[in-house]
């Protein structure tokens, strides 16, 4: 296994173990423990960071040649694919945010403007304040 693969396994296993323990303790504390467990969450994050640093340093000490090796072609392809997926998720999130911002602004305008009678009853119904679908959504169809 390469150093990067070992560090990926360290990250996955340490996050699974530490966050699993955290969520198990939160669930078993029940509603009587109160709302948000900020203190224990902060302790969990600190424990995760310390554990990952210690284990990564241990792997680097035991296999120094692998730790200094440059990335191979497979590592570069994996990183490129991960960046593509992350960018697509970020792009979709921005699109959804713009869509909801547009819906909010069109709902505000519909409440402020009087209904326009264009002869189309669908247009008139869409300008009513309680209508769930904004008019601009149905104009694309």
Foldseek 3Di string as FASTA:
>chain_A
DFLVVVLVVQLVVLCCVLVVVVVVVVVVVPCVVDDDPVVVVVVSVVVSVVSSVVVSVVVCVVPVVRVPDDDDPVVVVVVVVVVVVVVVVVVVVVVVVVVVVVVVVLLVVLVVDQQDPPVDVVSRVQSDNPDPDHPVVVVVD
